[in-house]
């Protein structure tokens, strides 16, 4: 019986000074035709509650009511409503 030695290489580490951007998103009622999405604006971190029709997939950009920039990008048919709320993550 032959035994082979496996060499393990260390994983590359990210520098601690590097920050990664991320966006909080929570999807509710994902098995329904109309889903609710709670998220933060990518730019100003304003909380948003959106109701979207997910019966078909189209590329949508939801505009932030606070800063006017694209808050989040979704794959849905249409945005039924969007409401500014305090961010649940801050």
N, C-alpha and C. Protein backbone atom coordinates (compact mmCIF):
# COMPACT_ATOMS: atom_id res chain seq x y z
N UNK A 1 0.84 -1.16 0.00
CA UNK A 1 0.00 0.00 0.00
C UNK A 1 0.90 1.24 0.00
N UNK A 2 0.56 2.19 -0.89
CA UNK A 2 1.38 3.38 -1.04
C UNK A 2 0.71 4.56 -0.33
N UNK A 3 1.47 5.31 0.41
CA UNK A 3 0.95 6.45 1.15
C UNK A 3 1.51 7.73 0.52
N UNK A 4 0.59 8.66 0.19
CA UNK A 4 1.02 9.93 -0.40
C UNK A 4 0.83 11.04 0.63
N UNK A 5 1.77 11.93 0.66
CA UNK A 5 1.69 13.05 1.58
C UNK A 5 1.06 14.24 0.87
N UNK A 6 0.04 14.81 1.49
CA UNK A 6 -0.62 15.97 0.90
C UNK A 6 -0.06 17.23 1.54
N UNK A 7 0.28 18.19 0.70
CA UNK A 7 0.79 19.45 1.20
C UNK A 7 -0.37 20.44 1.30
N UNK A 8 -0.48 21.09 2.43
CA UNK A 8 -1.50 22.11 2.61
C UNK A 8 -0.83 23.47 2.56
N UNK A 9 -1.41 24.33 1.71
CA UNK A 9 -0.89 25.67 1.59
C UNK A 9 -1.77 26.62 2.39
N UNK A 10 -1.18 27.60 3.03
CA UNK A 10 -2.00 28.54 3.81
C UNK A 10 -2.88 29.39 2.89
N UNK A 11 -4.07 29.73 3.39
CA UNK A 11 -4.97 30.58 2.61
C UNK A 11 -4.44 32.01 2.61
N UNK A 12 -4.57 32.69 1.48
CA UNK A 12 -4.11 34.09 1.46
C UNK A 12 -4.98 34.94 2.38
N UNK A 13 -4.38 35.82 3.09
CA UNK A 13 -5.11 36.67 4.03
C UNK A 13 -5.35 38.04 3.40
N UNK A 14 -6.51 38.60 3.72
CA UNK A 14 -6.81 39.95 3.27
C UNK A 14 -6.16 40.93 4.23
N UNK A 15 -5.65 42.01 3.71
CA UNK A 15 -5.11 43.02 4.63
C UNK A 15 -6.22 43.57 5.51
N UNK A 16 -5.90 43.82 6.77
CA UNK A 16 -6.91 44.30 7.71
C UNK A 16 -7.39 45.70 7.40
N UNK A 17 -6.59 46.45 6.65
CA UNK A 17 -6.99 47.82 6.30
C UNK A 17 -8.03 47.84 5.19
N UNK A 18 -8.18 46.76 4.46
CA UNK A 18 -9.14 46.71 3.36
C UNK A 18 -10.56 46.50 3.91
N UNK A 19 -11.47 47.36 3.52
CA UNK A 19 -12.85 47.22 3.94
C UNK A 19 -13.67 46.68 2.78
N UNK A 20 -14.67 45.92 3.10
CA UNK A 20 -15.55 45.39 2.07
C UNK A 20 -16.91 46.06 2.23
N UNK A 21 -17.48 46.50 1.12
CA UNK A 21 -18.80 47.09 1.15
C UNK A 21 -19.84 45.99 1.13
N UNK A 22 -20.90 46.16 1.88
CA UNK A 22 -21.98 45.19 1.89
C UNK A 22 -23.28 45.92 2.12
N UNK A 23 -24.37 45.26 1.83
CA UNK A 23 -25.69 45.86 1.97
C UNK A 23 -26.60 44.90 2.71
N UNK A 24 -27.29 45.41 3.72
CA UNK A 24 -28.23 44.59 4.46
C UNK A 24 -29.52 44.44 3.64
N UNK A 25 -29.98 43.20 3.48
CA UNK A 25 -31.23 42.92 2.77
C UNK A 25 -31.92 41.77 3.47
N UNK A 26 -33.23 41.91 3.70
CA UNK A 26 -34.02 40.83 4.27
C UNK A 26 -35.26 40.66 3.40
N UNK A 27 -35.51 39.44 2.93
CA UNK A 27 -36.64 39.16 2.04
C UNK A 27 -37.70 38.40 2.83
N UNK A 28 -38.92 38.95 2.82
CA UNK A 28 -40.05 38.35 3.53
C UNK A 28 -41.08 37.89 2.50
N UNK A 29 -41.86 36.86 2.82
CA UNK A 29 -42.91 36.33 1.95
C UNK A 29 -42.36 35.95 0.58
N UNK A 30 -41.21 35.28 0.54
CA UNK A 30 -40.58 34.96 -0.74
C UNK A 30 -41.34 33.89 -1.53
N UNK A 31 -42.28 33.18 -0.89
CA UNK A 31 -43.06 32.18 -1.61
C UNK A 31 -44.40 32.73 -2.09
N UNK A 32 -44.63 34.02 -1.92
CA UNK A 32 -45.86 34.69 -2.35
C UNK A 32 -45.58 35.46 -3.65
N UNK A 33 -46.65 35.79 -4.42
CA UNK A 33 -46.44 36.58 -5.64
C UNK A 33 -45.97 38.01 -5.35
N UNK A 34 -46.32 38.54 -4.18
CA UNK A 34 -45.84 39.86 -3.77
C UNK A 34 -44.96 39.66 -2.54
N UNK A 35 -43.70 40.03 -2.69
CA UNK A 35 -42.73 39.87 -1.60
C UNK A 35 -42.44 41.22 -0.97
N UNK A 36 -42.05 41.20 0.30
CA UNK A 36 -41.61 42.40 0.99
C UNK A 36 -40.11 42.31 1.18
N UNK A 37 -39.45 43.42 0.96
CA UNK A 37 -38.00 43.48 1.10
C UNK A 37 -37.65 44.63 2.02
N UNK A 38 -36.88 44.33 3.05
CA UNK A 38 -36.35 45.36 3.94
C UNK A 38 -34.87 45.46 3.62
N UNK A 39 -34.42 46.66 3.30
CA UNK A 39 -33.01 46.83 2.93
C UNK A 39 -32.53 48.22 3.32
N UNK A 40 -31.26 48.43 3.13
CA UNK A 40 -30.65 49.74 3.32
C UNK A 40 -30.23 50.28 1.97
N UNK A 41 -30.31 51.60 1.82
CA UNK A 41 -29.80 52.23 0.60
C UNK A 41 -28.29 51.99 0.54
N UNK A 42 -27.80 51.67 -0.64
CA UNK A 42 -26.38 51.40 -0.84
C UNK A 42 -25.54 52.63 -0.50
N UNK A 43 -26.09 53.83 -0.76
CA UNK A 43 -25.31 55.05 -0.62
C UNK A 43 -25.45 55.71 0.76
N UNK A 44 -26.70 55.94 1.22
CA UNK A 44 -26.90 56.72 2.45
C UNK A 44 -27.35 55.87 3.64
N UNK A 45 -27.52 54.57 3.45
CA UNK A 45 -27.91 53.63 4.52
C UNK A 45 -29.29 53.90 5.10
N UNK A 46 -30.16 54.58 4.33
CA UNK A 46 -31.55 54.79 4.73
C UNK A 46 -32.28 53.46 4.65
N UNK A 47 -33.09 53.14 5.63
CA UNK A 47 -33.86 51.91 5.59
C UNK A 47 -35.03 52.03 4.61
N UNK A 48 -35.32 50.95 3.90
CA UNK A 48 -36.42 50.92 2.93
C UNK A 48 -37.25 49.67 3.12
N UNK A 49 -38.55 49.82 3.02
CA UNK A 49 -39.47 48.69 2.98
C UNK A 49 -40.14 48.73 1.62
N UNK A 50 -39.89 47.71 0.80
CA UNK A 50 -40.43 47.67 -0.56
C UNK A 50 -41.33 46.45 -0.71
N UNK A 51 -42.43 46.64 -1.43
CA UNK A 51 -43.26 45.53 -1.86
C UNK A 51 -43.06 45.38 -3.35
N UNK A 52 -42.71 44.16 -3.78
CA UNK A 52 -42.41 43.93 -5.19
C UNK A 52 -43.20 42.74 -5.72
N UNK A 53 -43.60 42.83 -6.97
CA UNK A 53 -44.27 41.74 -7.67
C UNK A 53 -43.19 40.86 -8.28
N UNK A 54 -43.11 39.61 -7.85
CA UNK A 54 -42.05 38.71 -8.30
C UNK A 54 -42.58 37.61 -9.22
N UNK A 55 -43.71 37.88 -9.89
CA UNK A 55 -44.26 36.86 -10.80
C UNK A 55 -43.42 36.73 -12.06
N UNK A 56 -42.61 37.72 -12.38
CA UNK A 56 -41.70 37.65 -13.52
C UNK A 56 -40.38 38.32 -13.10
N UNK A 57 -39.33 38.03 -13.85
CA UNK A 57 -38.02 38.58 -13.51
C UNK A 57 -37.59 39.62 -14.52
N UNK A 58 -37.43 40.83 -14.06
CA UNK A 58 -36.86 41.92 -14.83
C UNK A 58 -35.86 42.63 -13.93
N UNK A 59 -34.93 43.30 -14.55
CA UNK A 59 -33.90 44.02 -13.79
C UNK A 59 -34.47 45.38 -13.40
N UNK A 60 -34.58 45.64 -12.11
CA UNK A 60 -35.12 46.90 -11.60
C UNK A 60 -34.13 47.58 -10.69
N UNK A 61 -34.09 48.90 -10.77
CA UNK A 61 -33.30 49.69 -9.83
C UNK A 61 -34.28 50.51 -9.01
N UNK A 62 -34.26 50.34 -7.70
CA UNK A 62 -35.15 51.05 -6.80
C UNK A 62 -34.45 52.31 -6.33
N UNK A 63 -35.09 53.46 -6.56
CA UNK A 63 -34.51 54.74 -6.17
C UNK A 63 -34.78 55.04 -4.70
N UNK A 64 -33.78 55.54 -4.03
CA UNK A 64 -33.90 55.90 -2.61
C UNK A 64 -34.68 57.20 -2.48
N UNK A 65 -35.71 57.24 -1.63
CA UNK A 65 -36.45 58.49 -1.45
C UNK A 65 -35.65 59.54 -0.68
N UNK A 66 -34.58 59.15 -0.03
CA UNK A 66 -33.77 60.08 0.76
C UNK A 66 -32.72 60.79 -0.10
N UNK A 67 -31.90 60.02 -0.82
CA UNK A 67 -30.79 60.63 -1.57
C UNK A 67 -31.03 60.67 -3.08
N UNK A 68 -32.02 59.93 -3.59
CA UNK A 68 -32.33 59.94 -5.02
C UNK A 68 -31.47 59.03 -5.87
N UNK A 69 -30.54 58.33 -5.27
CA UNK A 69 -29.67 57.41 -6.01
C UNK A 69 -30.27 56.01 -5.97
N UNK A 70 -29.68 55.08 -6.71
CA UNK A 70 -30.15 53.70 -6.72
C UNK A 70 -29.88 53.06 -5.37
N UNK A 71 -30.95 52.69 -4.67
CA UNK A 71 -30.81 52.11 -3.34
C UNK A 71 -30.45 50.63 -3.42
N UNK A 72 -31.15 49.91 -4.31
CA UNK A 72 -30.96 48.46 -4.43
C UNK A 72 -31.37 48.04 -5.83
N UNK A 73 -30.77 46.97 -6.32
CA UNK A 73 -31.13 46.40 -7.62
C UNK A 73 -31.81 45.06 -7.37
N UNK A 74 -32.95 44.87 -8.03
CA UNK A 74 -33.76 43.68 -7.80
C UNK A 74 -34.10 43.00 -9.11
N UNK A 75 -34.43 41.72 -9.01
CA UNK A 75 -34.99 40.97 -10.14
C UNK A 75 -36.45 40.72 -9.80
N UNK A 76 -37.35 41.55 -10.35
CA UNK A 76 -38.77 41.46 -10.08
C UNK A 76 -39.52 42.10 -11.23
N UNK A 77 -40.84 41.92 -11.25
CA UNK A 77 -41.65 42.49 -12.32
C UNK A 77 -41.84 43.99 -12.12
N UNK A 78 -42.24 44.40 -10.91
CA UNK A 78 -42.43 45.82 -10.62
C UNK A 78 -42.36 46.08 -9.13
N UNK A 79 -42.07 47.32 -8.80
CA UNK A 79 -42.08 47.76 -7.42
C UNK A 79 -43.46 48.33 -7.14
N UNK A 80 -44.19 47.72 -6.23
CA UNK A 80 -45.54 48.16 -5.91
C UNK A 80 -45.49 49.37 -4.98
N UNK A 81 -44.66 49.31 -3.96
CA UNK A 81 -44.53 50.44 -3.03
C UNK A 81 -43.15 50.43 -2.42
N UNK A 82 -42.72 51.62 -2.01
CA UNK A 82 -41.47 51.74 -1.24
C UNK A 82 -41.68 52.79 -0.18
N UNK A 83 -41.24 52.47 1.02
CA UNK A 83 -41.43 53.34 2.16
C UNK A 83 -40.11 53.49 2.90
N UNK A 84 -39.76 54.74 3.20
CA UNK A 84 -38.55 54.98 3.99
C UNK A 84 -38.85 54.66 5.46
N UNK A 85 -37.96 53.89 6.05
CA UNK A 85 -38.10 53.50 7.46
C UNK A 85 -36.74 53.70 8.13
N UNK A 86 -36.70 53.76 9.45
CA UNK A 86 -35.39 53.76 10.11
C UNK A 86 -34.70 52.41 9.85
N UNK A 87 -33.42 52.46 9.63
CA UNK A 87 -32.68 51.23 9.33
C UNK A 87 -32.69 50.30 10.55
N UNK A 88 -33.14 49.05 10.38
CA UNK A 88 -33.12 48.11 11.50
C UNK A 88 -31.71 47.64 11.88
N UNK A 89 -30.69 47.97 11.07
CA UNK A 89 -29.35 47.48 11.32
C UNK A 89 -28.46 48.54 11.96
N UNK A 90 -28.99 49.71 12.24
CA UNK A 90 -28.15 50.75 12.84
C UNK A 90 -28.59 51.02 14.25
